[in-house]
Amino acid sequence: MEYPIIKAENEEEASRIKAVMDELAKSKIGKQLIEDAVEHKTTVAFDGAMRAYGSYDEVKNHLRLNPTSSHDRLIGTAAHELRHAQQFQKGILLDALLDTPKTYIQNQAAIEADASATSCAACYELALQGNDKPLESLREKDPHFVNPFQNAAVQGGLENGEAYKAAFKGWFTDYCTRDSYDCLYIKMVRQRKSNCTREEENQAFMREVPVNDVVQKVCTCNGKPYLSEKETQEFFSTDDSKTVSFERFNNIYANCYRPYKLDFSKPQEEQMKEKLDLVMRPHFNYMPKRVVPEPLPLPTVENRQAAAAEKIAEKKENSDKKTVINPAVLKAKAGMSK
């Protein structure tokens, strides 16, 4: 299959990206991600200068992959970044300069957690087909959301969204990852400030974009949100969901000192909690260690075939059963009708 979205500098690069897309397309979710990317003209290319596994630029509608990654790792990364493209196709709003710090940080975390859950889904589907290498490659670095996804999926949560929900919540247990996105937030603020208009500068850090709106719009499985509005509100109302690391906390305080009229004479943490609803957390080394459950065994092809055959036999048995009507009842009904 040919992919018009691939933008490669040479035949070798094109062949590698095509191989990734071919394997990803064997999964249901991967096929849909690629089809949406083609429809919206999202481009995909290698970038040897990048340090991350991959990235998506919503302004240029361009996806970058790190060519130093293995083939199996690239499959999970491609699913993750293509999900980001899909998210922005749905019209979500993210602006590091205009959005309130809390809503931007929470919304950014939500779309990252969702993209991670989606990469699990694609790799898990491939594992069920007999290729578990992409899933194991993903698990090697991120067992804190891969294992919860797998365990929920094994127990029947793949279609109803429970597996997505488990991976989504698992993403938040890694404070090192969360700190890296806090750093990225400060970087994005600096970039936006460097080329913003006077009007944008006057409106900085004031726009409320409720995380519930973003979750209901993009965090979906089979077309339905896998987190209800109540679940989303409860999850993002916890103290932990409103924390930022010490260094980023001070950066945010400095950025918001004037627009929020923070009182320098009062304790910094008190002002940030009152005006911005943000709380400082220690360095990630001092935060609770992530709890990673042991993964349940993947269902084998034989087990799934046996389960399917059992369901078919059960349905056939139920359909073959005939309701036995007591002749006396029929005679009584006939007498009543006279």
C-alpha atoms as a PDB file:
ATOM      1  CA  MET A   1       0.000   0.000   0.000  1.00  0.00           C
ATOM      2  CA  GLU A   2       1.215   3.508  -0.829  1.00  0.00           C
ATOM      3  CA  TYR A   3       1.016   6.392   1.641  1.00  0.00           C
ATOM      4  CA  PRO A   4       0.930   9.922   0.184  1.00  0.00           C
ATOM      5  CA  ILE A   5       1.593  11.328   3.661  1.00  0.00           C
ATOM      6  CA  ILE A   6       5.204  10.049   3.719  1.00  0.00           C
ATOM      7  CA  LYS A   7       7.797  12.750   3.036  1.00  0.00           C
ATOM      8  CA  ALA A   8      11.229  11.152   2.817  1.00  0.00           C
ATOM      9  CA  GLU A   9      14.614  12.427   1.649  1.00  0.00           C
ATOM     10  CA  ASN A  10      15.603   9.117   0.083  1.00  0.00           C
ATOM     11  CA  GLU A  11      14.306   5.679  -0.799  1.00  0.00           C
ATOM     12  CA  GLU A  12      15.683   4.070   2.352  1.00  0.00           C
ATOM     13  CA  GLU A  13      13.769   6.476   4.611  1.00  0.00           C
ATOM     14  CA  ALA A  14      10.598   6.038   2.581  1.00  0.00           C
ATOM     15  CA  SER A  15      10.907   2.265   2.800  1.00  0.00           C
ATOM     16  CA  ARG A  16      11.369   2.336   6.595  1.00  0.00           C
ATOM     17  CA  ILE A  17       8.394   4.612   7.212  1.00  0.00           C
ATOM     18  CA  LYS A  18       6.248   2.569   4.817  1.00  0.00           C
ATOM     19  CA  ALA A  19       7.140  -0.619   6.722  1.00  0.00           C
ATOM     20  CA  VAL A  20       6.011   1.055   9.957  1.00  0.00           C
ATOM     21  CA  MET A  21       2.729   2.159   8.383  1.00  0.00           C
ATOM     22  CA  ASP A  22       2.122  -1.268   6.833  1.00  0.00           C
ATOM     23  CA  GLU A  23       2.437  -2.975  10.212  1.00  0.00           C
ATOM     24  CA  LEU A  24       0.403  -0.331  12.052  1.00  0.00           C
ATOM     25  CA  ALA A  25      -2.374  -0.620   9.452  1.00  0.00           C
ATOM     26  CA  LYS A  26      -2.878  -4.278  10.407  1.00  0.00           C
ATOM     27  CA  SER A  27      -4.582  -3.084  13.603  1.00  0.00           C
ATOM     28  CA  LYS A  28      -8.067  -1.617  13.529  1.00  0.00           C
ATOM     29  CA  ILE A  29      -7.106   1.543  15.389  1.00  0.00           C
ATOM     30  CA  GLY A  30      -3.895   1.939  13.378  1.00  0.00           C
ATOM     31  CA  LYS A  31      -5.765   1.680  10.084  1.00  0.00           C
ATOM     32  CA  GLN A  32      -8.188   4.409  11.187  1.00  0.00           C
ATOM     33  CA  LEU A  33      -5.356   6.671  12.357  1.00  0.00           C
ATOM     34  CA  ILE A  34      -3.633   6.393   8.975  1.00  0.00           C
ATOM     35  CA  GLU A  35      -6.862   6.954   7.035  1.00  0.00           C
ATOM     36  CA  ASP A  36      -7.577  10.114   9.039  1.00  0.00           C
ATOM     37  CA  ALA A  37      -4.018  11.343   8.446  1.00  0.00           C
ATOM     38  CA  VAL A  38      -4.369  10.806   4.697  1.00  0.00           C
ATOM     39  CA  GLU A  39      -7.757  12.560   4.658  1.00  0.00           C
ATOM     40  CA  HIS A  40      -6.389  15.598   6.501  1.00  0.00           C
ATOM     41  CA  LYS A  41      -3.065  15.607   4.608  1.00  0.00           C
ATOM     42  CA  THR A  42      -0.917  15.055   7.696  1.00  0.00           C
ATOM     43  CA  THR A  43       2.698  14.528   6.622  1.00  0.00           C
ATOM     44  CA  VAL A  44       5.164  12.074   8.191  1.00  0.00           C
ATOM     45  CA  ALA A  45       8.956  12.244   8.009  1.00  0.00           C
ATOM     46  CA  PHE A  46      12.136  11.293   9.824  1.00  0.00           C
ATOM     47  CA  ASP A  47      14.097  13.929  11.737  1.00  0.00           C
ATOM     48  CA  GLY A  48      17.562  12.860  12.810  1.00  0.00           C
ATOM     49  CA  ALA A  49      18.065  16.006  14.901  1.00  0.00           C
ATOM     50  CA  MET A  50      15.305  15.275  17.398  1.00  0.00           C
ATOM     51  CA  ARG A  51      15.895  13.787  20.856  1.00  0.00           C
ATOM     52  CA  ALA A  52      12.359  12.536  21.492  1.00  0.00           C
ATOM     53  CA  TYR A  53      10.838   9.411  19.944  1.00  0.00           C
ATOM     54  CA  GLY A  54       8.483  11.567  17.895  1.00  0.00           C
ATOM     55  CA  SER A  55       6.468  14.779  17.805  1.00  0.00           C
ATOM     56  CA  TYR A  56       3.477  16.356  16.092  1.00  0.00           C
ATOM     57  CA  ASP A  57       3.259  19.998  15.006  1.00  0.00           C
ATOM     58  CA  GLU A  58      -0.403  21.008  14.876  1.00  0.00           C
ATOM     59  CA  VAL A  59       0.385  24.278  13.065  1.00  0.00           C
ATOM     60  CA  LYS A  60       2.221  22.581  10.189  1.00  0.00           C
ATOM     61  CA  ASN A  61       0.159  19.383  10.521  1.00  0.00           C
ATOM     62  CA  HIS A  62       3.444  17.510  10.392  1.00  0.00           C
ATOM     63  CA  LEU A  63       4.588  14.406  12.262  1.00  0.00           C
ATOM     64  CA  ARG A  64       8.269  13.695  12.948  1.00  0.00           C
ATOM     65  CA  LEU A  65       9.788  10.336  13.861  1.00  0.00           C
ATOM     66  CA  ASN A  66      13.225   9.664  15.291  1.00  0.00           C
ATOM     67  CA  PRO A  67      15.136   7.450  12.817  1.00  0.00           C
ATOM     68  CA  THR A  68      17.401   6.080  15.573  1.00  0.00           C
ATOM     69  CA  SER A  69      14.413   4.207  17.053  1.00  0.00           C
ATOM     70  CA  SER A  70      13.886   0.540  16.278  1.00  0.00           C
ATOM     71  CA  HIS A  71      11.189  -0.584  13.851  1.00  0.00           C
ATOM     72  CA  ASP A  72       9.030  -1.925  16.700  1.00  0.00           C
ATOM     73  CA  ARG A  73       9.359   1.257  18.751  1.00  0.00           C
ATOM     74  CA  LEU A  74       8.472   3.379  15.717  1.00  0.00           C
ATOM     75  CA  ILE A  75       5.135   1.559  15.392  1.00  0.00           C
ATOM     76  CA  GLY A  76       4.005   2.631  18.876  1.00  0.00           C
ATOM     77  CA  THR A  77       5.410   6.130  18.358  1.00  0.00           C
ATOM     78  CA  ALA A  78       3.620   6.533  15.034  1.00  0.00           C
ATOM     79  CA  ALA A  79       0.314   5.509  16.650  1.00  0.00           C
ATOM     80  CA  HIS A  80       0.904   8.004  19.478  1.00  0.00           C
ATOM     81  CA  GLU A  81       1.693  10.934  17.176  1.00  0.00           C
ATOM     82  CA  LEU A  82      -1.049  10.095  14.676  1.00  0.00           C
ATOM     83  CA  ARG A  83      -3.484  10.191  17.591  1.00  0.00           C
ATOM     84  CA  HIS A  84      -2.288  13.726  18.316  1.00  0.00           C
ATOM     85  CA  ALA A  85      -3.055  14.637  14.714  1.00  0.00           C
ATOM     86  CA  GLN A  86      -6.505  13.098  15.131  1.00  0.00           C
ATOM     87  CA  GLN A  87      -7.046  15.056  18.363  1.00  0.00           C
ATOM     88  CA  PHE A  88      -6.313  18.414  16.748  1.00  0.00           C
ATOM     89  CA  GLN A  89      -8.482  17.515  13.767  1.00  0.00           C
ATOM     90  CA  LYS A  90     -11.359  17.548  16.250  1.00  0.00           C
ATOM     91  CA  GLY A  91     -10.719  21.200  17.031  1.00  0.00           C
ATOM     92  CA  ILE A  92      -9.226  21.209  20.515  1.00  0.00           C
ATOM     93  CA  LEU A  93      -7.746  24.467  21.773  1.00  0.00           C
ATOM     94  CA  LEU A  94      -4.267  24.662  23.305  1.00  0.00           C
ATOM     95  CA  ASP A  95      -2.293  27.885  23.614  1.00  0.00           C
ATOM     96  CA  ALA A  96       0.475  28.138  26.189  1.00  0.00           C
ATOM     97  CA  LEU A  97       0.298  31.936  26.257  1.00  0.00           C
ATOM     98  CA  LEU A  98      -3.456  32.521  26.291  1.00  0.00           C
ATOM     99  CA  ASP A  99      -4.640  29.592  28.448  1.00  0.00           C
ATOM    100  CA  THR A 100      -4.585  29.659  32.232  1.00  0.00           C
ATOM    101  CA  PRO A 101      -1.575  27.635  33.418  1.00  0.00           C
ATOM    102  CA  LYS A 102      -3.707  25.017  35.162  1.00  0.00           C
ATOM    103  CA  THR A 103      -5.997  24.333  32.211  1.00  0.00           C
ATOM    104  CA  TYR A 104      -3.110  24.223  29.732  1.00  0.00           C
ATOM    105  CA  ILE A 105      -1.101  21.799  31.891  1.00  0.00           C
ATOM    106  CA  GLN A 106      -4.123  19.570  32.519  1.00  0.00           C
ATOM    107  CA  ASN A 107      -5.220  19.590  28.883  1.00  0.00           C
ATOM    108  CA  GLN A 108      -1.706  18.852  27.672  1.00  0.00           C
ATOM    109  CA  ALA A 109      -1.490  15.931  30.111  1.00  0.00           C
ATOM    110  CA  ALA A 110      -4.902  14.662  28.996  1.00  0.00           C
ATOM    111  CA  ILE A 111      -4.009  14.504  25.302  1.00  0.00           C
ATOM    112  CA  GLU A 112      -0.657  12.872  26.105  1.00  0.00           C
ATOM    113  CA  ALA A 113      -2.317  10.246  28.302  1.00  0.00           C
ATOM    114  CA  ASP A 114      -4.892   9.587  25.588  1.00  0.00           C
ATOM    115  CA  ALA A 115      -2.248   9.276  22.859  1.00  0.00           C
ATOM    116  CA  SER A 116      -0.355   6.827  25.077  1.00  0.00           C
ATOM    117  CA  ALA A 117      -3.513   4.763  25.604  1.00  0.00           C
ATOM    118  CA  THR A 118      -4.092   4.729  21.848  1.00  0.00           C
ATOM    119  CA  SER A 119      -0.575   3.495  21.144  1.00  0.00           C
ATOM    120  CA  CYS A 120      -1.286   0.685  23.624  1.00  0.00           C
ATOM    121  CA  ALA A 121      -4.477  -0.203  21.767  1.00  0.00           C
ATOM    122  CA  ALA A 122      -2.745  -0.424  18.387  1.00  0.00           C
ATOM    123  CA  CYS A 123       0.171  -2.476  19.730  1.00  0.00           C
ATOM    124  CA  TYR A 124      -2.142  -4.741  21.739  1.00  0.00           C
ATOM    125  CA  GLU A 125      -4.185  -5.530  18.606  1.00  0.00           C
ATOM    126  CA  LEU A 126      -0.980  -6.452  16.795  1.00  0.00           C
ATOM    127  CA  ALA A 127       0.012  -8.693  19.718  1.00  0.00           C
ATOM    128  CA  LEU A 128      -3.308 -10.528  19.453  1.00  0.00           C
ATOM    129  CA  GLN A 129      -2.441 -11.180  15.802  1.00  0.00           C
ATOM    130  CA  GLY A 130       0.864 -12.760  16.804  1.00  0.00           C
ATOM    131  CA  ASN A 131       3.284  -9.808  16.692  1.00  0.00           C
ATOM    132  CA  ASP A 132       3.934  -8.773  20.288  1.00  0.00           C
ATOM    133  CA  LYS A 133       7.241  -6.964  19.589  1.00  0.00           C
ATOM    134  CA  PRO A 134       5.747  -3.425  19.294  1.00  0.00           C
ATOM    135  CA  LEU A 135       3.835  -3.921  22.560  1.00  0.00           C
ATOM    136  CA  GLU A 136       6.926  -5.223  24.359  1.00  0.00           C
ATOM    137  CA  SER A 137       8.982  -2.327  22.998  1.00  0.00           C
ATOM    138  CA  LEU A 138       6.378   0.079  24.367  1.00  0.00           C
ATOM    139  CA  ARG A 139       6.283  -1.770  27.697  1.00  0.00           C
ATOM    140  CA  GLU A 140      10.081  -1.578  28.064  1.00  0.00           C
ATOM    141  CA  LYS A 141       9.935   2.166  28.733  1.00  0.00           C
ATOM    142  CA  ASP A 142       6.337   2.705  29.860  1.00  0.00           C
ATOM    143  CA  PRO A 143       5.018  -0.298  31.828  1.00  0.00           C
ATOM    144  CA  HIS A 144       3.089   2.096  34.102  1.00  0.00           C
ATOM    145  CA  PHE A 145       0.406   2.541  31.453  1.00  0.00           C
ATOM    146  CA  VAL A 146       1.008  -0.493  29.186  1.00  0.00           C
ATOM    147  CA  ASN A 147       0.420  -3.057  31.949  1.00  0.00           C
ATOM    148  CA  PRO A 148      -2.836  -1.475  33.210  1.00  0.00           C
ATOM    149  CA  PHE A 149      -4.077  -1.317  29.610  1.00  0.00           C
ATOM    150  CA  GLN A 150      -3.223  -4.959  28.963  1.00  0.00           C
ATOM    151  CA  ASN A 151      -4.775  -6.177  32.201  1.00  0.00           C
ATOM    152  CA  ALA A 152      -8.039  -4.348  31.525  1.00  0.00           C
ATOM    153  CA  ALA A 153      -8.056  -5.525  27.898  1.00  0.00           C
ATOM    154  CA  VAL A 154      -7.484  -9.160  28.879  1.00  0.00           C
ATOM    155  CA  GLN A 155     -10.461  -8.880  31.231  1.00  0.00           C
ATOM    156  CA  GLY A 156     -12.714  -7.646  28.422  1.00  0.00           C
ATOM    157  CA  GLY A 157     -12.132  -3.892  28.547  1.00  0.00           C
ATOM    158  CA  LEU A 158     -10.897  -3.361  24.997  1.00  0.00           C
ATOM    159  CA  GLU A 159     -14.226  -2.496  23.360  1.00  0.00           C
ATOM    160  CA  ASN A 160     -15.922  -0.601  26.191  1.00  0.00           C
ATOM    161  CA  GLY A 161     -12.994   1.749  26.876  1.00  0.00           C
ATOM    162  CA  GLU A 162     -11.960   0.369  30.274  1.00  0.00           C
ATOM    163  CA  ALA A 163      -8.493  -0.456  28.932  1.00  0.00           C
ATOM    164  CA  TYR A 164      -8.071   3.092  27.601  1.00  0.00           C
ATOM    165  CA  LYS A 165      -9.183   4.473  30.961  1.00  0.00           C
ATOM    166  CA  ALA A 166      -6.678   2.291  32.831  1.00  0.00           C
ATOM    167  CA  ALA A 167      -3.789   3.441  30.623  1.00  0.00           C
ATOM    168  CA  PHE A 168      -4.930   7.073  30.831  1.00  0.00           C
ATOM    169  CA  LYS A 169      -4.807   7.061  34.629  1.00  0.00           C
ATOM    170  CA  GLY A 170      -1.584   5.059  34.639  1.00  0.00           C
ATOM    171  CA  TRP A 171       0.152   7.804  32.641  1.00  0.00           C
ATOM    172  CA  PHE A 172      -0.223  10.237  35.568  1.00  0.00           C
ATOM    173  CA  THR A 173       1.662   7.956  37.968  1.00  0.00           C
ATOM    174  CA  ASP A 174       5.040   8.755  36.359  1.00  0.00           C
ATOM    175  CA  TYR A 175       6.150  12.099  37.815  1.00  0.00           C
ATOM    176  CA  CYS A 176       9.316  12.176  35.725  1.00  0.00           C
ATOM    177  CA  THR A 177       7.202  12.246  32.560  1.00  0.00           C
ATOM    178  CA  ARG A 178       4.860  14.842  34.020  1.00  0.00           C
ATOM    179  CA  ASP A 179       7.817  17.040  34.958  1.00  0.00           C
ATOM    180  CA  SER A 180       9.126  16.862  31.396  1.00  0.00           C
ATOM    181  CA  TYR A 181       5.809  18.220  30.124  1.00  0.00           C
ATOM    182  CA  ASP A 182       5.884  20.981  32.750  1.00  0.00           C
ATOM    183  CA  CYS A 183       9.286  21.925  31.276  1.00  0.00           C
ATOM    184  CA  LEU A 184       7.804  21.840  27.792  1.00  0.00           C
ATOM    185  CA  TYR A 185       5.006  24.155  28.927  1.00  0.00           C
ATOM    186  CA  ILE A 186       7.494  26.814  30.070  1.00  0.00           C
ATOM    187  CA  LYS A 187       9.357  26.444  26.769  1.00  0.00           C
ATOM    188  CA  MET A 188       6.118  26.913  24.801  1.00  0.00           C
ATOM    189  CA  VAL A 189       5.285  30.036  26.831  1.00  0.00           C
ATOM    190  CA  ARG A 190       8.667  31.552  25.963  1.00  0.00           C
ATOM    191  CA  GLN A 191       8.216  30.796  22.275  1.00  0.00           C
ATOM    192  CA  ARG A 192       4.724  32.299  22.183  1.00  0.00           C
ATOM    193  CA  LYS A 193       5.842  35.387  24.058  1.00  0.00           C
ATOM    194  CA  SER A 194       8.644  36.016  21.582  1.00  0.00           C
ATOM    195  CA  ASN A 195       6.245  36.513  18.663  1.00  0.00           C
ATOM    196  CA  CYS A 196       2.893  37.403  20.211  1.00  0.00           C
ATOM    197  CA  THR A 197       0.852  40.505  19.414  1.00  0.00           C
ATOM    198  CA  ARG A 198       0.193  43.269  21.919  1.00  0.00           C
ATOM    199  CA  GLU A 199      -3.428  42.124  22.169  1.00  0.00           C
ATOM    200  CA  GLU A 200      -2.362  38.551  22.946  1.00  0.00           C
ATOM    201  CA  GLU A 201       0.074  39.789  25.558  1.00  0.00           C
ATOM    202  CA  ASN A 202      -2.732  41.710  27.271  1.00  0.00           C
ATOM    203  CA  GLN A 203      -4.881  38.543  27.338  1.00  0.00           C
ATOM    204  CA  ALA A 204      -2.098  36.198  28.462  1.00  0.00           C
ATOM    205  CA  PHE A 205      -2.907  33.358  30.887  1.00  0.00           C
ATOM    206  CA  MET A 206      -6.591  34.236  31.172  1.00  0.00           C
ATOM    207  CA  ARG A 207      -8.445  31.866  28.809  1.00  0.00           C
ATOM    208  CA  GLU A 208     -10.265  29.006  30.536  1.00  0.00           C
ATOM    209  CA  VAL A 209     -10.415  25.791  28.503  1.00  0.00           C
ATOM    210  CA  PRO A 210     -12.003  23.213  30.847  1.00  0.00           C
ATOM    211  CA  VAL A 211     -10.245  19.868  30.720  1.00  0.00           C
ATOM    212  CA  ASN A 212     -13.633  18.153  30.680  1.00  0.00           C
ATOM    213  CA  ASP A 213     -14.353  19.689  27.267  1.00  0.00           C
ATOM    214  CA  VAL A 214     -11.092  18.345  25.853  1.00  0.00           C
ATOM    215  CA  VAL A 215     -11.537  14.873  27.348  1.00  0.00           C
ATOM    216  CA  GLN A 216     -15.093  14.482  26.073  1.00  0.00           C
ATOM    217  CA  LYS A 217     -14.013  15.608  22.614  1.00  0.00           C
ATOM    218  CA  VAL A 218     -10.879  13.556  22.018  1.00  0.00           C
ATOM    219  CA  CYS A 219     -10.508  10.825  24.647  1.00  0.00           C
ATOM    220  CA  THR A 220     -12.745   8.315  22.926  1.00  0.00           C
ATOM    221  CA  CYS A 221     -12.999   4.597  22.202  1.00  0.00           C
ATOM    222  CA  ASN A 222     -15.319   3.398  19.444  1.00  0.00           C
ATOM    223  CA  GLY A 223     -16.686   6.923  19.113  1.00  0.00           C
ATOM    224  CA  LYS A 224     -17.610   7.355  22.791  1.00  0.00           C
ATOM    225  CA  PRO A 225     -15.706   9.056  25.653  1.00  0.00           C
ATOM    226  CA  TYR A 226     -14.107   6.457  27.880  1.00  0.00           C
ATOM    227  CA  LEU A 227     -14.221   8.866  30.829  1.00  0.00           C
ATOM    228  CA  SER A 228     -17.593  10.293  31.829  1.00  0.00           C
ATOM    229  CA  GLU A 229     -17.910  13.961  32.709  1.00  0.00           C
ATOM    230  CA  LYS A 230     -18.220  13.023  36.375  1.00  0.00           C
ATOM    231  CA  GLU A 231     -15.129  10.795  36.263  1.00  0.00           C
ATOM    232  CA  THR A 232     -13.152  13.506  34.492  1.00  0.00           C
ATOM    233  CA  GLN A 233     -14.193  16.169  36.979  1.00  0.00           C
ATOM    234  CA  GLU A 234     -13.315  13.956  39.942  1.00  0.00           C
ATOM    235  CA  PHE A 235      -9.952  12.931  38.469  1.00  0.00           C
ATOM    236  CA  PHE A 236      -8.818  16.473  37.658  1.00  0.00           C
ATOM    237  CA  SER A 237     -10.135  17.931  40.918  1.00  0.00           C
ATOM    238  CA  THR A 238      -7.614  16.059  43.034  1.00  0.00           C
ATOM    239  CA  ASP A 239      -4.699  17.969  44.551  1.00  0.00           C
ATOM    240  CA  ASP A 240      -2.252  15.799  42.614  1.00  0.00           C
ATOM    241  CA  SER A 241      -3.730  16.798  39.246  1.00  0.00           C
ATOM    242  CA  LYS A 242      -3.084  20.481  40.080  1.00  0.00           C
ATOM    243  CA  THR A 243       0.587  20.142  40.948  1.00  0.00           C
ATOM    244  CA  VAL A 244       3.640  21.393  39.099  1.00  0.00           C
ATOM    245  CA  SER A 245       7.271  20.852  39.999  1.00  0.00           C
ATOM    246  CA  PHE A 246       9.167  23.370  42.131  1.00  0.00           C
ATOM    247  CA  GLU A 247      11.140  24.971  39.279  1.00  0.00           C
ATOM    248  CA  ARG A 248       8.137  25.299  36.956  1.00  0.00           C
ATOM    249  CA  PHE A 249       6.011  26.601  39.834  1.00  0.00           C
ATOM    250  CA  ASN A 250       8.383  29.556  40.196  1.00  0.00           C
ATOM    251  CA  ASN A 251       8.374  30.176  36.441  1.00  0.00           C
ATOM    252  CA  ILE A 252       4.585  30.298  36.406  1.00  0.00           C
ATOM    253  CA  TYR A 253       4.539  32.640  39.395  1.00  0.00           C
ATOM    254  CA  ALA A 254       6.881  35.019  37.571  1.00  0.00           C
ATOM    255  CA  ASN A 255       4.779  34.903  34.376  1.00  0.00           C
ATOM    256  CA  CYS A 256       1.489  35.453  36.187  1.00  0.00           C
ATOM    257  CA  TYR A 257       2.628  37.985  38.774  1.00  0.00           C
ATOM    258  CA  ARG A 258       1.236  40.978  36.907  1.00  0.00           C
ATOM    259  CA  PRO A 259      -1.825  39.626  35.063  1.00  0.00           C
ATOM    260  CA  TYR A 260      -3.144  38.027  38.267  1.00  0.00           C
ATOM    261  CA  LYS A 261      -2.060  40.897  40.537  1.00  0.00           C
ATOM    262  CA  LEU A 262      -0.333  38.518  42.910  1.00  0.00           C
ATOM    263  CA  ASP A 263       0.525  40.010  46.276  1.00  0.00           C
ATOM    264  CA  PHE A 264       4.275  39.779  46.761  1.00  0.00           C
ATOM    265  CA  SER A 265       3.901  40.349  50.508  1.00  0.00           C
ATOM    266  CA  LYS A 266       1.929  37.111  50.944  1.00  0.00           C
ATOM    267  CA  PRO A 267       3.336  33.560  50.775  1.00  0.00           C
ATOM    268  CA  GLN A 268       3.913  32.471  47.187  1.00  0.00           C
ATOM    269  CA  GLU A 269       2.186  29.091  47.534  1.00  0.00           C
ATOM    270  CA  GLU A 270      -0.842  30.707  49.153  1.00  0.00           C
ATOM    271  CA  GLN A 271      -1.209  33.188  46.283  1.00  0.00           C
ATOM    272  CA  MET A 272      -0.799  30.508  43.599  1.00  0.00           C
ATOM    273  CA  LYS A 273      -3.387  28.274  45.231  1.00  0.00           C
ATOM    274  CA  GLU A 274      -5.875  31.099  45.666  1.00  0.00           C
ATOM    275  CA  LYS A 275      -5.503  32.805  42.280  1.00  0.00           C
ATOM    276  CA  LEU A 276      -4.369  30.006  39.927  1.00  0.00           C
ATOM    277  CA  ASP A 277      -5.464  26.833  41.764  1.00  0.00           C
ATOM    278  CA  LEU A 278      -1.961  25.365  41.420  1.00  0.00           C
ATOM    279  CA  VAL A 279       0.105  23.529  44.015  1.00  0.00           C
ATOM    280  CA  MET A 280       3.858  22.961  44.157  1.00  0.00           C
ATOM    281  CA  ARG A 281       5.239  19.421  44.241  1.00  0.00           C
ATOM    282  CA  PRO A 282       8.798  18.344  45.085  1.00  0.00           C
ATOM    283  CA  HIS A 283      11.293  17.021  42.547  1.00  0.00           C
ATOM    284  CA  PHE A 284      10.036  13.776  40.992  1.00  0.00           C
ATOM    285  CA  ASN A 285      12.687  11.813  42.910  1.00  0.00           C
ATOM    286  CA  TYR A 286      10.788  12.669  46.104  1.00  0.00           C
ATOM    287  CA  MET A 287       7.339  11.832  44.760  1.00  0.00           C
ATOM    288  CA  PRO A 288       5.641   8.436  45.305  1.00  0.00           C
ATOM    289  CA  LYS A 289       7.155   5.756  43.122  1.00  0.00           C
ATOM    290  CA  ARG A 290       4.839   4.617  40.379  1.00  0.00           C
ATOM    291  CA  VAL A 291       2.997   1.387  41.083  1.00  0.00           C
ATOM    292  CA  VAL A 292       3.211  -0.947  38.107  1.00  0.00           C
ATOM    293  CA  PRO A 293       0.987  -4.041  38.195  1.00  0.00           C
ATOM    294  CA  GLU A 294       2.232  -7.314  36.761  1.00  0.00           C
ATOM    295  CA  PRO A 295       0.784  -7.908  33.296  1.00  0.00           C
ATOM    296  CA  LEU A 296      -1.771 -10.649  32.820  1.00  0.00           C
ATOM    297  CA  PRO A 297      -0.878 -13.160  30.070  1.00  0.00           C
ATOM    298  CA  LEU A 298      -2.029 -12.213  26.598  1.00  0.00           C
ATOM    299  CA  PRO A 299      -4.868 -14.404  25.333  1.00  0.00           C
ATOM    300  CA  THR A 300      -3.575 -16.872  22.762  1.00  0.00           C
ATOM    301  CA  VAL A 301      -5.166 -17.419  19.358  1.00  0.00           C
ATOM    302  CA  GLU A 302      -6.321 -20.863  20.519  1.00  0.00           C
ATOM    303  CA  ASN A 303      -7.929 -19.443  23.669  1.00  0.00           C
ATOM    304  CA  ARG A 304      -9.760 -16.739  21.728  1.00  0.00           C
ATOM    305  CA  GLN A 305     -10.964 -19.248  19.118  1.00  0.00           C
ATOM    306  CA  ALA A 306     -12.223 -21.560  21.871  1.00  0.00           C
ATOM    307  CA  ALA A 307     -14.026 -18.666  23.587  1.00  0.00           C
ATOM    308  CA  ALA A 308     -15.635 -17.617  20.306  1.00  0.00           C
ATOM    309  CA  ALA A 309     -16.733 -21.187  19.568  1.00  0.00           C
ATOM    310  CA  GLU A 310     -18.213 -21.447  23.050  1.00  0.00           C
ATOM    311  CA  LYS A 311     -20.255 -18.276  22.533  1.00  0.00           C
ATOM    312  CA  ILE A 312     -21.514 -19.500  19.149  1.00  0.00           C
ATOM    313  CA  ALA A 313     -22.503 -22.859  20.636  1.00  0.00           C
ATOM    314  CA  GLU A 314     -24.300 -21.120  23.510  1.00  0.00           C
ATOM    315  CA  LYS A 315     -26.295 -18.926  21.122  1.00  0.00           C
ATOM    316  CA  LYS A 316     -27.205 -21.933  18.978  1.00  0.00           C
ATOM    317  CA  GLU A 317     -28.334 -23.894  22.016  1.00  0.00           C
ATOM    318  CA  ASN A 318     -30.552 -21.008  23.146  1.00  0.00           C
ATOM    319  CA  SER A 319     -32.073 -20.597  19.694  1.00  0.00           C
ATOM    320  CA  ASP A 320     -32.786 -24.345  19.436  1.00  0.00           C
ATOM    321  CA  LYS A 321     -34.690 -24.374  22.694  1.00  0.00           C
ATOM    322  CA  LYS A 322     -38.429 -24.347  22.167  1.00  0.00           C
ATOM    323  CA  THR A 323     -40.883 -23.123  24.712  1.00  0.00           C
ATOM    324  CA  VAL A 324     -42.928 -26.056  25.954  1.00  0.00           C
ATOM    325  CA  ILE A 325     -46.543 -25.040  26.492  1.00  0.00           C
ATOM    326  CA  ASN A 326     -48.727 -27.061  28.811  1.00  0.00           C
ATOM    327  CA  PRO A 327     -51.703 -28.528  26.790  1.00  0.00           C
ATOM    328  CA  ALA A 328     -54.001 -27.781  29.713  1.00  0.00           C
ATOM    329  CA  VAL A 329     -53.105 -24.111  29.417  1.00  0.00           C
ATOM    330  CA  LEU A 330     -53.910 -24.151  25.695  1.00  0.00           C
ATOM    331  CA  LYS A 331     -57.234 -25.856  26.360  1.00  0.00           C
ATOM    332  CA  ALA A 332     -58.102 -23.337  29.046  1.00  0.00           C
ATOM    333  CA  LYS A 333     -57.274 -20.428  26.712  1.00  0.00           C
ATOM    334  CA  ALA A 334     -59.371 -21.996  23.968  1.00  0.00           C
ATOM    335  CA  GLY A 335     -62.298 -22.301  26.359  1.00  0.00           C
ATOM    336  CA  MET A 336     -61.966 -18.660  27.378  1.00  0.00           C
ATOM    337  CA  SER A 337     -62.073 -17.529  23.771  1.00  0.00           C
ATOM    338  CA  LYS A 338     -65.460 -19.205  23.159  1.00  0.00           C
END
